[in-house]
């Protein structure tokens, strides 16, 4: 398990590097323990890192809040991500996996 602050530091370091290559980068999911005060900053850093638009960021926040136990929908989140080609579904999924 990683602390969310460690992931935030890693994300900050990635922001300083070149843009993220979605085709070749394999992002492994992690489980995080965190202080609630650091959650919002980490969510914003990931949203900026992946350059999420408003709709993508809204979907990302829903999933992030659910993962952090701050969801109002119960223990299971069922959510679809729909759109035509080029609307950013893969970018959203890469951000979720980060």
C-alpha atoms as a PDB file:
ATOM      1  CA  UNK A   1       0.000   0.000   0.000  1.00  0.00           C
ATOM      2  CA  UNK A   2       1.157   3.526  -0.726  1.00  0.00           C
ATOM      3  CA  UNK A   3       0.286   6.673   1.102  1.00  0.00           C
ATOM      4  CA  UNK A   4      -1.607   9.172  -1.034  1.00  0.00           C
ATOM      5  CA  UNK A   5       1.059  11.777  -0.222  1.00  0.00           C
ATOM      6  CA  UNK A   6       3.696   9.506  -1.806  1.00  0.00           C
ATOM      7  CA  UNK A   7       1.554   9.185  -4.929  1.00  0.00           C
ATOM      8  CA  UNK A   8       1.033  12.951  -4.966  1.00  0.00           C
ATOM      9  CA  UNK A   9       4.807  13.479  -4.893  1.00  0.00           C
ATOM     10  CA  UNK A  10       5.234  10.986  -7.727  1.00  0.00           C
ATOM     11  CA  UNK A  11       2.490  12.695  -9.719  1.00  0.00           C
ATOM     12  CA  UNK A  12       4.166  16.071  -9.183  1.00  0.00           C
ATOM     13  CA  UNK A  13       7.429  14.645 -10.510  1.00  0.00           C
ATOM     14  CA  UNK A  14       5.610  13.287 -13.567  1.00  0.00           C
ATOM     15  CA  UNK A  15       4.096  16.718 -14.263  1.00  0.00           C
ATOM     16  CA  UNK A  16       7.607  18.070 -14.674  1.00  0.00           C
ATOM     17  CA  UNK A  17       8.464  15.417 -17.266  1.00  0.00           C
ATOM     18  CA  UNK A  18       7.204  15.072 -20.816  1.00  0.00           C
ATOM     19  CA  UNK A  19       3.528  14.496 -21.557  1.00  0.00           C
ATOM     20  CA  UNK A  20       2.046  11.128 -20.715  1.00  0.00           C
ATOM     21  CA  UNK A  21       2.068   8.528 -23.513  1.00  0.00           C
ATOM     22  CA  UNK A  22      -1.201   6.596 -23.212  1.00  0.00           C
ATOM     23  CA  UNK A  23      -0.183   3.966 -25.769  1.00  0.00           C
ATOM     24  CA  UNK A  24       3.012   2.704 -24.127  1.00  0.00           C
ATOM     25  CA  UNK A  25       2.680   3.505 -20.424  1.00  0.00           C
ATOM     26  CA  UNK A  26       1.270   0.675 -18.314  1.00  0.00           C
ATOM     27  CA  UNK A  27      -0.196   2.162 -15.146  1.00  0.00           C
ATOM     28  CA  UNK A  28      -0.726  -0.283 -12.296  1.00  0.00           C
ATOM     29  CA  UNK A  29      -3.522   0.470  -9.812  1.00  0.00           C
ATOM     30  CA  UNK A  30      -2.603   1.061  -6.171  1.00  0.00           C
ATOM     31  CA  UNK A  31      -4.409   1.159  -2.835  1.00  0.00           C
ATOM     32  CA  UNK A  32      -3.864   4.357  -0.865  1.00  0.00           C
ATOM     33  CA  UNK A  33      -4.180   5.385   2.754  1.00  0.00           C
ATOM     34  CA  UNK A  34      -4.603   9.103   3.155  1.00  0.00           C
ATOM     35  CA  UNK A  35      -5.465  12.090   5.199  1.00  0.00           C
ATOM     36  CA  UNK A  36      -8.661  13.715   3.865  1.00  0.00           C
ATOM     37  CA  UNK A  37      -6.902  17.090   3.597  1.00  0.00           C
ATOM     38  CA  UNK A  38      -4.523  15.682   0.969  1.00  0.00           C
ATOM     39  CA  UNK A  39      -7.228  13.967  -1.121  1.00  0.00           C
ATOM     40  CA  UNK A  40      -8.475  17.042  -2.949  1.00  0.00           C
ATOM     41  CA  UNK A  41      -4.964  18.190  -3.863  1.00  0.00           C
ATOM     42  CA  UNK A  42      -4.077  14.739  -5.191  1.00  0.00           C
ATOM     43  CA  UNK A  43      -7.294  14.595  -7.236  1.00  0.00           C
ATOM     44  CA  UNK A  44      -6.525  17.995  -8.754  1.00  0.00           C
ATOM     45  CA  UNK A  45      -2.932  17.018  -9.577  1.00  0.00           C
ATOM     46  CA  UNK A  46      -4.075  13.881 -11.388  1.00  0.00           C
ATOM     47  CA  UNK A  47      -6.780  15.821 -13.264  1.00  0.00           C
ATOM     48  CA  UNK A  48      -4.163  18.383 -14.368  1.00  0.00           C
ATOM     49  CA  UNK A  49      -1.606  15.716 -15.239  1.00  0.00           C
ATOM     50  CA  UNK A  50      -4.035  14.033 -17.623  1.00  0.00           C
ATOM     51  CA  UNK A  51      -5.500  17.360 -18.821  1.00  0.00           C
ATOM     52  CA  UNK A  52      -9.083  16.273 -18.103  1.00  0.00           C
ATOM     53  CA  UNK A  53     -11.866  18.481 -19.408  1.00  0.00           C
ATOM     54  CA  UNK A  54     -14.863  19.427 -17.244  1.00  0.00           C
ATOM     55  CA  UNK A  55     -16.937  16.314 -18.008  1.00  0.00           C
ATOM     56  CA  UNK A  56     -13.945  13.992 -17.598  1.00  0.00           C
ATOM     57  CA  UNK A  57     -12.993  15.632 -14.309  1.00  0.00           C
ATOM     58  CA  UNK A  58     -16.559  15.268 -13.022  1.00  0.00           C
ATOM     59  CA  UNK A  59     -16.523  11.531 -13.820  1.00  0.00           C
ATOM     60  CA  UNK A  60     -13.038  11.193 -12.300  1.00  0.00           C
ATOM     61  CA  UNK A  61     -14.176  12.896  -9.077  1.00  0.00           C
ATOM     62  CA  UNK A  62     -17.202  10.599  -8.786  1.00  0.00           C
ATOM     63  CA  UNK A  63     -14.934   7.562  -9.002  1.00  0.00           C
ATOM     64  CA  UNK A  64     -12.227   9.059  -6.758  1.00  0.00           C
ATOM     65  CA  UNK A  65     -14.726  10.031  -4.045  1.00  0.00           C
ATOM     66  CA  UNK A  66     -16.278   6.562  -4.211  1.00  0.00           C
ATOM     67  CA  UNK A  67     -12.832   4.969  -3.886  1.00  0.00           C
ATOM     68  CA  UNK A  68     -12.130   7.165  -0.858  1.00  0.00           C
ATOM     69  CA  UNK A  69     -15.405   6.150   0.810  1.00  0.00           C
ATOM     70  CA  UNK A  70     -17.000   9.573   0.326  1.00  0.00           C
ATOM     71  CA  UNK A  71     -19.688   8.400  -2.112  1.00  0.00           C
ATOM     72  CA  UNK A  72     -23.418   8.592  -1.511  1.00  0.00           C
ATOM     73  CA  UNK A  73     -24.339   5.696  -3.797  1.00  0.00           C
ATOM     74  CA  UNK A  74     -23.578   2.821  -1.480  1.00  0.00           C
ATOM     75  CA  UNK A  75     -20.921   0.128  -1.547  1.00  0.00           C
ATOM     76  CA  UNK A  76     -21.004  -0.498  -5.312  1.00  0.00           C
ATOM     77  CA  UNK A  77     -20.553   2.165  -7.985  1.00  0.00           C
ATOM     78  CA  UNK A  78     -22.001   1.360 -11.394  1.00  0.00           C
ATOM     79  CA  UNK A  79     -21.082   3.934 -13.961  1.00  0.00           C
ATOM     80  CA  UNK A  80     -20.824   3.967 -17.726  1.00  0.00           C
ATOM     81  CA  UNK A  81     -18.477   6.112 -19.773  1.00  0.00           C
ATOM     82  CA  UNK A  82     -19.935   6.715 -23.210  1.00  0.00           C
ATOM     83  CA  UNK A  83     -18.996   8.851 -26.187  1.00  0.00           C
ATOM     84  CA  UNK A  84     -17.875   8.871 -29.762  1.00  0.00           C
ATOM     85  CA  UNK A  85     -14.292   8.261 -30.799  1.00  0.00           C
ATOM     86  CA  UNK A  86     -11.991  11.048 -29.700  1.00  0.00           C
ATOM     87  CA  UNK A  87     -14.065  12.231 -26.737  1.00  0.00           C
ATOM     88  CA  UNK A  88     -11.444  11.261 -24.141  1.00  0.00           C
ATOM     89  CA  UNK A  89     -12.710   7.992 -22.670  1.00  0.00           C
ATOM     90  CA  UNK A  90      -9.229   6.444 -22.727  1.00  0.00           C
ATOM     91  CA  UNK A  91      -7.730   9.547 -21.119  1.00  0.00           C
ATOM     92  CA  UNK A  92     -10.287   9.321 -18.287  1.00  0.00           C
ATOM     93  CA  UNK A  93      -9.569   5.622 -17.759  1.00  0.00           C
ATOM     94  CA  UNK A  94      -5.805   6.285 -17.704  1.00  0.00           C
ATOM     95  CA  UNK A  95      -6.355   8.965 -15.037  1.00  0.00           C
ATOM     96  CA  UNK A  96      -8.472   6.550 -12.985  1.00  0.00           C
ATOM     97  CA  UNK A  97      -5.738   3.914 -13.187  1.00  0.00           C
ATOM     98  CA  UNK A  98      -3.016   6.404 -12.099  1.00  0.00           C
END
